[in-house]
C-alpha cells in the first residue's frame, strides 16, 4: 500500500518500479519553496521542505513523465476553495496530455 504525505516516499517511483510498473506518471503539487523565515520554527520547516524537495527530485528523475500542478496559492489547510484547485489541476493535466501521448508513443515505439 502506498501512502502520501511525506511518510517515506512522497513520490514512490522506485517502489512502483519494484512492483513491475512499466510507465510511471508522477504528479506533484507545489511551486517554489519559500525561503523566508521569522523564527526557529520557520527555519525547521524550511529545512524539511528543502530536504523533501531534493528527495522528490531524485524520485522524479526516475519517472517516465511528470506533471506539476502549482497550487502554492492555495492554502492546504483551508478546504473552502478546493473546487478551484481541482479545476486548476484539471486544466494543467489536460494541457500536458499531448506531451504525455508523445512520451507514451516513444516508450512503446
N, C-alpha and C. Protein backbone atom coordinates (compact mmCIF):
# COMPACT_ATOMS: atom_id res chain seq x y z
N UNK A 1 0.84 -1.17 0.00
CA UNK A 1 0.00 0.00 0.00
C UNK A 1 0.90 1.24 0.00
N UNK A 2 0.54 2.23 -0.80
CA UNK A 2 1.33 3.45 -0.89
C UNK A 2 0.63 4.55 -0.09
N UNK A 3 1.42 5.33 0.60
CA UNK A 3 0.88 6.38 1.44
C UNK A 3 1.47 7.71 1.01
N UNK A 4 0.66 8.73 0.93
CA UNK A 4 1.12 10.06 0.57
C UNK A 4 1.33 10.87 1.85
N UNK A 5 1.95 12.00 1.71
CA UNK A 5 2.05 12.90 2.85
C UNK A 5 3.39 12.88 3.53
N UNK A 6 4.48 12.73 2.79
CA UNK A 6 5.83 12.78 3.36
C UNK A 6 6.08 11.68 4.38
N UNK A 7 5.55 10.49 4.14
CA UNK A 7 5.80 9.41 5.08
C UNK A 7 7.20 8.86 4.84
N UNK A 8 7.39 8.09 3.81
CA UNK A 8 8.72 7.60 3.45
C UNK A 8 9.08 7.96 2.02
N UNK A 9 8.09 7.90 1.13
CA UNK A 9 8.33 8.19 -0.28
C UNK A 9 7.16 9.01 -0.79
N UNK A 10 7.31 10.30 -0.79
CA UNK A 10 6.23 11.17 -1.24
C UNK A 10 5.89 10.92 -2.70
N UNK A 11 6.90 10.59 -3.49
CA UNK A 11 6.70 10.25 -4.90
C UNK A 11 7.31 8.85 -5.08
N UNK A 12 6.51 7.80 -4.92
CA UNK A 12 7.05 6.43 -4.82
C UNK A 12 7.39 5.78 -6.16
N UNK A 13 8.24 6.43 -6.94
CA UNK A 13 8.59 5.91 -8.26
C UNK A 13 9.35 4.59 -8.13
N UNK A 14 10.35 4.53 -7.30
CA UNK A 14 11.15 3.31 -7.16
C UNK A 14 10.30 2.14 -6.66
N UNK A 15 9.39 2.42 -5.74
CA UNK A 15 8.52 1.37 -5.23
C UNK A 15 7.62 0.83 -6.34
N UNK A 16 7.12 1.72 -7.20
CA UNK A 16 6.28 1.28 -8.31
C UNK A 16 7.08 0.47 -9.32
N UNK A 17 8.32 0.88 -9.59
CA UNK A 17 9.18 0.09 -10.49
C UNK A 17 9.40 -1.30 -9.92
N UNK A 18 9.66 -1.37 -8.62
CA UNK A 18 9.89 -2.66 -7.97
C UNK A 18 8.66 -3.56 -8.06
N UNK A 19 7.48 -2.95 -8.12
CA UNK A 19 6.24 -3.72 -8.25
C UNK A 19 5.94 -4.10 -9.69
N UNK A 20 6.78 -3.62 -10.64
CA UNK A 20 6.63 -4.03 -12.02
C UNK A 20 6.01 -3.00 -12.95
N UNK A 21 5.84 -1.77 -12.51
CA UNK A 21 5.26 -0.74 -13.38
C UNK A 21 6.20 -0.46 -14.55
N UNK A 22 5.63 -0.39 -15.74
CA UNK A 22 6.41 -0.12 -16.95
C UNK A 22 6.54 1.35 -17.26
N UNK A 23 5.49 2.12 -16.98
CA UNK A 23 5.46 3.54 -17.31
C UNK A 23 4.86 4.27 -16.12
N UNK A 24 5.61 5.20 -15.56
CA UNK A 24 5.17 5.88 -14.34
C UNK A 24 4.96 7.36 -14.61
N UNK A 25 3.75 7.81 -14.31
CA UNK A 25 3.41 9.23 -14.40
C UNK A 25 3.43 9.77 -12.98
N UNK A 26 4.32 10.70 -12.72
CA UNK A 26 4.42 11.31 -11.39
C UNK A 26 3.67 12.64 -11.40
N UNK A 27 2.89 12.85 -10.37
CA UNK A 27 2.15 14.10 -10.21
C UNK A 27 2.67 14.77 -8.94
N UNK A 28 2.97 16.05 -9.05
CA UNK A 28 3.36 16.80 -7.87
C UNK A 28 2.48 18.03 -7.74
N UNK A 29 2.28 18.44 -6.52
CA UNK A 29 1.52 19.64 -6.21
C UNK A 29 2.46 20.60 -5.51
N UNK A 30 2.68 21.72 -6.09
CA UNK A 30 3.56 22.65 -5.41
C UNK A 30 4.10 23.70 -6.33
N UNK A 31 4.98 24.48 -5.80
CA UNK A 31 5.63 25.54 -6.53
C UNK A 31 6.99 25.75 -5.92
N UNK A 32 7.43 26.97 -5.93
CA UNK A 32 8.73 27.30 -5.35
C UNK A 32 8.66 27.22 -3.83
N UNK A 33 9.72 26.71 -3.24
CA UNK A 33 9.81 26.69 -1.78
C UNK A 33 10.12 28.08 -1.28
N UNK A 34 9.32 28.54 -0.33
CA UNK A 34 9.57 29.86 0.25
C UNK A 34 10.79 29.77 1.16
N UNK A 35 11.71 30.70 1.00
CA UNK A 35 12.96 30.62 1.75
C UNK A 35 13.03 31.62 2.91
N UNK A 36 11.99 32.40 3.09
CA UNK A 36 12.00 33.36 4.20
C UNK A 36 11.66 32.69 5.52
N UNK A 37 12.09 33.32 6.59
CA UNK A 37 11.76 32.79 7.91
C UNK A 37 11.73 33.93 8.91
N UNK A 38 10.94 33.72 9.95
CA UNK A 38 10.81 34.73 11.01
C UNK A 38 11.25 34.21 12.37
N UNK A 39 11.29 32.87 12.50
CA UNK A 39 11.63 32.30 13.81
C UNK A 39 12.21 30.89 13.61
N UNK A 40 12.54 30.26 14.71
CA UNK A 40 13.15 28.93 14.66
C UNK A 40 12.25 27.88 14.04
N UNK A 41 10.95 27.98 14.31
CA UNK A 41 10.01 27.03 13.72
C UNK A 41 10.00 27.15 12.20
N UNK A 42 10.06 28.38 11.69
CA UNK A 42 10.12 28.60 10.25
C UNK A 42 11.38 27.99 9.65
N UNK A 43 12.50 28.07 10.37
CA UNK A 43 13.76 27.51 9.88
C UNK A 43 13.65 25.98 9.80
N UNK A 44 13.07 25.37 10.82
CA UNK A 44 12.89 23.91 10.80
C UNK A 44 12.01 23.51 9.63
N UNK A 45 10.92 24.23 9.40
CA UNK A 45 10.04 23.94 8.27
C UNK A 45 10.77 24.12 6.94
N UNK A 46 11.60 25.14 6.84
CA UNK A 46 12.35 25.38 5.62
C UNK A 46 13.33 24.24 5.35
N UNK A 47 14.04 23.81 6.37
CA UNK A 47 15.00 22.71 6.22
C UNK A 47 14.26 21.44 5.77
N UNK A 48 13.12 21.15 6.37
CA UNK A 48 12.34 19.98 5.97
C UNK A 48 11.85 20.11 4.54
N UNK A 49 11.37 21.28 4.16
CA UNK A 49 10.88 21.50 2.80
C UNK A 49 12.00 21.30 1.78
N UNK A 50 13.18 21.83 2.08
CA UNK A 50 14.31 21.67 1.17
C UNK A 50 14.75 20.22 1.06
N UNK A 51 14.72 19.52 2.18
CA UNK A 51 15.08 18.10 2.18
C UNK A 51 14.11 17.31 1.30
N UNK A 52 12.82 17.52 1.48
CA UNK A 52 11.84 16.79 0.69
C UNK A 52 11.86 17.21 -0.78
N UNK A 53 12.20 18.45 -1.03
CA UNK A 53 12.33 18.91 -2.41
C UNK A 53 13.43 18.11 -3.12
N UNK A 54 14.55 17.91 -2.45
CA UNK A 54 15.66 17.14 -3.04
C UNK A 54 15.29 15.67 -3.19
N UNK A 55 14.68 15.08 -2.17
CA UNK A 55 14.25 13.68 -2.26
C UNK A 55 13.23 13.50 -3.39
N UNK A 56 12.30 14.44 -3.51
CA UNK A 56 11.31 14.37 -4.59
C UNK A 56 11.98 14.45 -5.95
N UNK A 57 12.97 15.31 -6.09
CA UNK A 57 13.67 15.45 -7.36
C UNK A 57 14.35 14.14 -7.75
N UNK A 58 14.95 13.46 -6.81
CA UNK A 58 15.58 12.17 -7.10
C UNK A 58 14.55 11.17 -7.62
N UNK A 59 13.38 11.15 -7.01
CA UNK A 59 12.33 10.25 -7.46
C UNK A 59 11.82 10.65 -8.85
N UNK A 60 11.64 11.95 -9.05
CA UNK A 60 11.11 12.43 -10.34
C UNK A 60 12.05 12.09 -11.49
N UNK A 61 13.33 12.06 -11.23
CA UNK A 61 14.30 11.71 -12.28
C UNK A 61 14.08 10.29 -12.78
N UNK A 62 13.48 9.44 -11.98
CA UNK A 62 13.23 8.05 -12.36
C UNK A 62 11.85 7.85 -12.99
N UNK A 63 10.99 8.85 -12.93
CA UNK A 63 9.65 8.75 -13.52
C UNK A 63 9.74 8.90 -15.03
N UNK A 64 8.78 8.34 -15.72
CA UNK A 64 8.74 8.46 -17.17
C UNK A 64 8.10 9.77 -17.62
N UNK A 65 7.24 10.31 -16.81
CA UNK A 65 6.56 11.56 -17.14
C UNK A 65 6.19 12.25 -15.85
N UNK A 66 6.24 13.57 -15.88
CA UNK A 66 5.96 14.35 -14.66
C UNK A 66 5.01 15.49 -14.99
N UNK A 67 3.98 15.62 -14.17
CA UNK A 67 3.08 16.76 -14.26
C UNK A 67 3.13 17.48 -12.92
N UNK A 68 3.49 18.75 -12.95
CA UNK A 68 3.50 19.57 -11.73
C UNK A 68 2.30 20.50 -11.77
N UNK A 69 1.48 20.42 -10.75
CA UNK A 69 0.34 21.30 -10.61
C UNK A 69 0.67 22.28 -9.49
N UNK A 70 0.98 23.50 -9.88
CA UNK A 70 1.38 24.51 -8.91
C UNK A 70 0.15 25.02 -8.18
N UNK A 71 0.03 24.62 -6.93
CA UNK A 71 -1.10 25.07 -6.12
C UNK A 71 -0.62 25.86 -4.91
N UNK A 72 0.55 26.46 -5.02
CA UNK A 72 1.09 27.23 -3.90
C UNK A 72 0.15 28.33 -3.44
N UNK A 73 -0.65 28.88 -4.37
CA UNK A 73 -1.55 29.97 -3.98
C UNK A 73 -2.74 29.47 -3.17
N UNK A 74 -2.90 28.16 -3.06
CA UNK A 74 -3.99 27.59 -2.29
C UNK A 74 -3.47 27.15 -0.93
N UNK A 75 -4.19 27.48 0.12
CA UNK A 75 -3.83 27.07 1.47
C UNK A 75 -4.33 25.65 1.69
N UNK A 76 -3.41 24.72 1.89
CA UNK A 76 -3.76 23.32 2.08
C UNK A 76 -4.58 23.04 3.33
N UNK A 77 -4.63 23.98 4.23
CA UNK A 77 -5.40 23.79 5.45
C UNK A 77 -6.80 24.39 5.36
N UNK A 78 -7.08 25.04 4.24
CA UNK A 78 -8.41 25.63 4.04
C UNK A 78 -9.06 24.92 2.86
N UNK A 79 -10.17 24.29 3.13
CA UNK A 79 -10.80 23.46 2.12
C UNK A 79 -11.93 24.16 1.37
N UNK A 80 -12.14 25.43 1.64
CA UNK A 80 -13.26 26.13 1.03
C UNK A 80 -13.07 26.41 -0.45
N UNK A 81 -11.85 26.39 -0.95
CA UNK A 81 -11.65 26.64 -2.38
C UNK A 81 -11.09 25.42 -3.11
N UNK A 82 -11.43 24.23 -2.62
CA UNK A 82 -10.92 23.01 -3.23
C UNK A 82 -11.38 22.85 -4.67
N UNK A 83 -12.59 23.33 -4.99
CA UNK A 83 -13.09 23.19 -6.36
C UNK A 83 -12.25 24.00 -7.34
N UNK A 84 -11.79 25.17 -6.92
CA UNK A 84 -10.91 25.98 -7.77
C UNK A 84 -9.60 25.24 -8.00
N UNK A 85 -9.05 24.66 -6.94
CA UNK A 85 -7.79 23.91 -7.06
C UNK A 85 -7.98 22.69 -7.97
N UNK A 86 -9.12 22.01 -7.85
CA UNK A 86 -9.38 20.85 -8.71
C UNK A 86 -9.49 21.26 -10.18
N UNK A 87 -10.17 22.36 -10.45
CA UNK A 87 -10.28 22.83 -11.83
C UNK A 87 -8.91 23.22 -12.38
N UNK A 88 -8.11 23.85 -11.55
CA UNK A 88 -6.75 24.22 -11.95
C UNK A 88 -5.95 22.96 -12.31
N UNK A 89 -6.01 21.95 -11.46
CA UNK A 89 -5.32 20.70 -11.72
C UNK A 89 -5.80 20.02 -12.99
N UNK A 90 -7.09 20.08 -13.24
CA UNK A 90 -7.66 19.50 -14.46
C UNK A 90 -7.11 20.21 -15.69
N UNK A 91 -7.07 21.54 -15.65
CA UNK A 91 -6.56 22.31 -16.80
C UNK A 91 -5.09 22.02 -17.06
N UNK A 92 -4.29 21.99 -16.01
CA UNK A 92 -2.86 21.72 -16.16
C UNK A 92 -2.65 20.32 -16.74
N UNK A 93 -3.37 19.35 -16.22
CA UNK A 93 -3.23 17.98 -16.70
C UNK A 93 -3.70 17.86 -18.15
N UNK A 94 -4.79 18.51 -18.49
CA UNK A 94 -5.29 18.46 -19.86
C UNK A 94 -4.27 19.05 -20.84
N UNK A 95 -3.61 20.15 -20.44
CA UNK A 95 -2.57 20.74 -21.28
C UNK A 95 -1.38 19.82 -21.45
N UNK A 96 -1.13 18.96 -20.47
CA UNK A 96 0.01 18.05 -20.53
C UNK A 96 -0.27 16.80 -21.38
N UNK A 97 -1.52 16.55 -21.72
CA UNK A 97 -1.87 15.32 -22.44
C UNK A 97 -1.13 15.14 -23.76
N UNK A 98 -0.99 16.16 -24.62
CA UNK A 98 -0.23 15.93 -25.87
C UNK A 98 1.21 15.48 -25.61
N UNK A 99 1.87 16.08 -24.63
CA UNK A 99 3.24 15.66 -24.29
C UNK A 99 3.25 14.24 -23.75
N UNK A 100 2.25 13.90 -22.94
CA UNK A 100 2.16 12.55 -22.38
C UNK A 100 1.93 11.53 -23.50
N UNK A 101 1.07 11.86 -24.44
CA UNK A 101 0.82 10.95 -25.55
C UNK A 101 2.08 10.72 -26.38
N UNK A 102 2.84 11.78 -26.62
CA UNK A 102 4.11 11.63 -27.36
C UNK A 102 5.08 10.74 -26.59
N UNK A 103 5.16 10.98 -25.30
CA UNK A 103 6.09 10.20 -24.46
C UNK A 103 5.69 8.72 -24.42
N UNK A 104 4.38 8.46 -24.33
CA UNK A 104 3.90 7.08 -24.35
C UNK A 104 4.22 6.41 -25.69
N UNK A 105 4.04 7.16 -26.78
CA UNK A 105 4.36 6.62 -28.10
C UNK A 105 5.84 6.28 -28.20
N UNK A 106 6.70 7.15 -27.67
CA UNK A 106 8.14 6.89 -27.68
C UNK A 106 8.47 5.65 -26.85
N UNK A 107 7.82 5.52 -25.70
CA UNK A 107 8.10 4.39 -24.82
C UNK A 107 7.63 3.07 -25.44
N UNK A 108 6.58 3.13 -26.22
CA UNK A 108 6.04 1.91 -26.82
C UNK A 108 6.59 1.67 -28.22
N UNK A 109 7.41 2.63 -28.71
CA UNK A 109 7.91 2.71 -30.05
C UNK A 109 8.50 1.55 -30.65
